[in-house]
Amino acid sequence: MGADLNPVYVRSEWGELKECVYGATDDFLFPKWNIDADLRPVGDFRKLWQENEGRQLNDVDPEYFASWKKQIDDVVVFLEQSGIKVHRGAKISAANFKFPEGYN
């Protein structure tokens, strides 16, 4: 970490939120379904993931993707309107989409 950067410090989880990191919503790639994935999704999303590992959600179900994207983007707008500084992740590169599952 550079000398000009402040480290992340949280004194209390109940403190005032002033700044946060929120993920990018450009893409949603279903990772390979493996044993740890079995603990995460439930319901219809579980089946959707199992049937579409390695595919983009926008290609599989554009309406679902649009709803997911809007929900996240709306939260960011709310946070920013509340005076909270929000950092967004950058678009994921094609090379990073291959890690760690090896999809082309």
C-alpha atoms as a PDB file:
ATOM      1  CA  MET A   1       0.000   0.000   0.000  1.00  0.00           C
ATOM      2  CA  GLY A   2       1.334   3.441  -0.923  1.00  0.00           C
ATOM      3  CA  ALA A   3       2.167   6.005   1.724  1.00  0.00           C
ATOM      4  CA  ASP A   4      -0.552   8.316   0.404  1.00  0.00           C
ATOM      5  CA  LEU A   5      -3.337   5.771   0.910  1.00  0.00           C
ATOM      6  CA  ASN A   6      -5.215   5.362   4.170  1.00  0.00           C
ATOM      7  CA  PRO A   7      -5.703   1.799   5.374  1.00  0.00           C
ATOM      8  CA  VAL A   8      -9.228   0.517   5.829  1.00  0.00           C
ATOM      9  CA  TYR A   9     -10.211   0.854   9.453  1.00  0.00           C
ATOM     10  CA  VAL A  10     -13.518  -0.046  11.059  1.00  0.00           C
ATOM     11  CA  ARG A  11     -13.959   0.760  14.717  1.00  0.00           C
ATOM     12  CA  SER A  12     -17.501  -0.577  14.994  1.00  0.00           C
ATOM     13  CA  GLU A  13     -19.968  -2.267  12.703  1.00  0.00           C
ATOM     14  CA  TRP A  14     -22.552   0.114  14.181  1.00  0.00           C
ATOM     15  CA  GLY A  15     -20.666   3.260  13.226  1.00  0.00           C
ATOM     16  CA  GLU A  16     -21.782   5.733  10.588  1.00  0.00           C
ATOM     17  CA  LEU A  17     -21.253   4.484   7.041  1.00  0.00           C
ATOM     18  CA  LYS A  18     -19.259   7.075   5.124  1.00  0.00           C
ATOM     19  CA  GLU A  19     -17.684   5.074   2.316  1.00  0.00           C
ATOM     20  CA  CYS A  20     -18.148   1.607   0.814  1.00  0.00           C
ATOM     21  CA  VAL A  21     -17.306  -0.653  -2.103  1.00  0.00           C
ATOM     22  CA  TYR A  22     -20.096  -2.033  -4.264  1.00  0.00           C
ATOM     23  CA  GLY A  23     -19.640  -4.482  -7.093  1.00  0.00           C
ATOM     24  CA  ALA A  24     -19.865  -3.740 -10.784  1.00  0.00           C
ATOM     25  CA  THR A  25     -22.984  -4.816 -12.655  1.00  0.00           C
ATOM     26  CA  ASP A  26     -21.629  -5.097 -16.189  1.00  0.00           C
ATOM     27  CA  ASP A  27     -21.520  -8.890 -16.149  1.00  0.00           C
ATOM     28  CA  PHE A  28     -22.733 -11.851 -14.161  1.00  0.00           C
ATOM     29  CA  LEU A  29     -21.005 -15.088 -15.093  1.00  0.00           C
ATOM     30  CA  PHE A  30     -22.290 -18.257 -13.502  1.00  0.00           C
ATOM     31  CA  PRO A  31     -19.188 -19.948 -12.078  1.00  0.00           C
ATOM     32  CA  LYS A  32     -18.642 -23.669 -12.362  1.00  0.00           C
ATOM     33  CA  TRP A  33     -20.977 -25.524 -10.029  1.00  0.00           C
ATOM     34  CA  ASN A  34     -18.789 -27.199  -7.438  1.00  0.00           C
ATOM     35  CA  ILE A  35     -19.151 -28.463  -3.896  1.00  0.00           C
ATOM     36  CA  ASP A  36     -18.891 -25.051  -2.220  1.00  0.00           C
ATOM     37  CA  ALA A  37     -21.549 -23.686  -4.583  1.00  0.00           C
ATOM     38  CA  ASP A  38     -23.974 -26.186  -3.098  1.00  0.00           C
ATOM     39  CA  LEU A  39     -24.173 -24.030   0.052  1.00  0.00           C
ATOM     40  CA  ARG A  40     -25.145 -20.752  -1.629  1.00  0.00           C
ATOM     41  CA  PRO A  41     -28.125 -20.531  -3.960  1.00  0.00           C
ATOM     42  CA  VAL A  42     -31.668 -21.591  -3.206  1.00  0.00           C
ATOM     43  CA  GLY A  43     -34.887 -21.973  -5.138  1.00  0.00           C
ATOM     44  CA  ASP A  44     -35.171 -21.094  -8.807  1.00  0.00           C
ATOM     45  CA  PHE A  45     -31.773 -19.382  -8.846  1.00  0.00           C
ATOM     46  CA  ARG A  46     -30.116 -22.617  -7.741  1.00  0.00           C
ATOM     47  CA  LYS A  47     -31.554 -24.470 -10.731  1.00  0.00           C
ATOM     48  CA  LEU A  48     -30.716 -21.589 -13.074  1.00  0.00           C
ATOM     49  CA  TRP A  49     -27.074 -21.666 -11.933  1.00  0.00           C
ATOM     50  CA  GLN A  50     -26.772 -25.451 -12.144  1.00  0.00           C
ATOM     51  CA  GLU A  51     -28.138 -25.465 -15.693  1.00  0.00           C
ATOM     52  CA  ASN A  52     -26.010 -22.543 -16.903  1.00  0.00           C
ATOM     53  CA  GLU A  53     -22.572 -22.752 -15.296  1.00  0.00           C
ATOM     54  CA  GLY A  54     -19.999 -20.870 -17.348  1.00  0.00           C
ATOM     55  CA  ARG A  55     -22.593 -18.707 -19.097  1.00  0.00           C
ATOM     56  CA  GLN A  56     -23.483 -15.044 -18.725  1.00  0.00           C
ATOM     57  CA  LEU A  57     -26.765 -14.340 -16.924  1.00  0.00           C
ATOM     58  CA  ASN A  58     -27.598 -11.692 -19.545  1.00  0.00           C
ATOM     59  CA  ASP A  59     -27.428 -14.377 -22.251  1.00  0.00           C
ATOM     60  CA  VAL A  60     -29.433 -16.897 -20.219  1.00  0.00           C
ATOM     61  CA  ASP A  61     -32.175 -14.596 -18.911  1.00  0.00           C
ATOM     62  CA  PRO A  62     -31.921 -10.920 -19.975  1.00  0.00           C
ATOM     63  CA  GLU A  63     -34.983  -9.944 -17.928  1.00  0.00           C
ATOM     64  CA  TYR A  64     -33.561 -11.443 -14.720  1.00  0.00           C
ATOM     65  CA  PHE A  65     -30.203  -9.803 -15.439  1.00  0.00           C
ATOM     66  CA  ALA A  66     -31.857  -6.389 -15.925  1.00  0.00           C
ATOM     67  CA  SER A  67     -33.736  -6.789 -12.624  1.00  0.00           C
ATOM     68  CA  TRP A  68     -30.555  -7.824 -10.765  1.00  0.00           C
ATOM     69  CA  LYS A  69     -28.586  -4.931 -12.284  1.00  0.00           C
ATOM     70  CA  LYS A  70     -31.298  -2.390 -11.474  1.00  0.00           C
ATOM     71  CA  GLN A  71     -31.531  -3.551  -7.863  1.00  0.00           C
ATOM     72  CA  ILE A  72     -27.796  -3.081  -7.310  1.00  0.00           C
ATOM     73  CA  ASP A  73     -27.586   0.197  -9.226  1.00  0.00           C
ATOM     74  CA  ASP A  74     -30.572   1.562  -7.265  1.00  0.00           C
ATOM     75  CA  VAL A  75     -28.847   0.750  -3.957  1.00  0.00           C
ATOM     76  CA  VAL A  76     -25.780   2.673  -5.131  1.00  0.00           C
ATOM     77  CA  VAL A  77     -27.946   5.678  -6.029  1.00  0.00           C
ATOM     78  CA  PHE A  78     -29.576   5.523  -2.580  1.00  0.00           C
ATOM     79  CA  LEU A  79     -26.215   5.347  -0.839  1.00  0.00           C
ATOM     80  CA  GLU A  80     -24.811   8.256  -2.838  1.00  0.00           C
ATOM     81  CA  GLN A  81     -27.926  10.360  -2.222  1.00  0.00           C
ATOM     82  CA  SER A  82     -27.427   9.621   1.473  1.00  0.00           C
ATOM     83  CA  GLY A  83     -23.977  11.202   1.320  1.00  0.00           C
ATOM     84  CA  ILE A  84     -22.008   7.954   1.232  1.00  0.00           C
ATOM     85  CA  LYS A  85     -19.029   7.699  -1.084  1.00  0.00           C
ATOM     86  CA  VAL A  86     -19.391   4.548  -3.191  1.00  0.00           C
ATOM     87  CA  HIS A  87     -16.548   2.865  -5.074  1.00  0.00           C
ATOM     88  CA  ARG A  88     -17.573   0.560  -7.916  1.00  0.00           C
ATOM     89  CA  GLY A  89     -15.580  -2.350  -9.236  1.00  0.00           C
ATOM     90  CA  ALA A  90     -14.160  -2.088 -12.740  1.00  0.00           C
ATOM     91  CA  LYS A  91     -15.476  -4.158 -15.625  1.00  0.00           C
ATOM     92  CA  ILE A  92     -14.009  -7.651 -15.391  1.00  0.00           C
ATOM     93  CA  SER A  93     -11.525  -8.460 -18.146  1.00  0.00           C
ATOM     94  CA  ALA A  94     -11.891 -11.475 -20.411  1.00  0.00           C
ATOM     95  CA  ALA A  95      -8.732 -12.930 -18.869  1.00  0.00           C
ATOM     96  CA  ASN A  96     -10.153 -12.650 -15.349  1.00  0.00           C
ATOM     97  CA  PHE A  97     -13.371 -14.365 -16.395  1.00  0.00           C
ATOM     98  CA  LYS A  98     -11.242 -17.448 -17.010  1.00  0.00           C
ATOM     99  CA  PHE A  99      -9.988 -17.534 -13.410  1.00  0.00           C
ATOM    100  CA  PRO A 100     -10.270 -19.831 -11.569  1.00  0.00           C
ATOM    101  CA  GLU A 101     -12.671 -21.997 -13.528  1.00  0.00           C
ATOM    102  CA  GLY A 102     -10.941 -21.887 -16.927  1.00  0.00           C
ATOM    103  CA  TYR A 103     -13.906 -20.832 -19.065  1.00  0.00           C
ATOM    104  CA  ASN A 104     -13.196 -19.507 -22.560  1.00  0.00           C
END
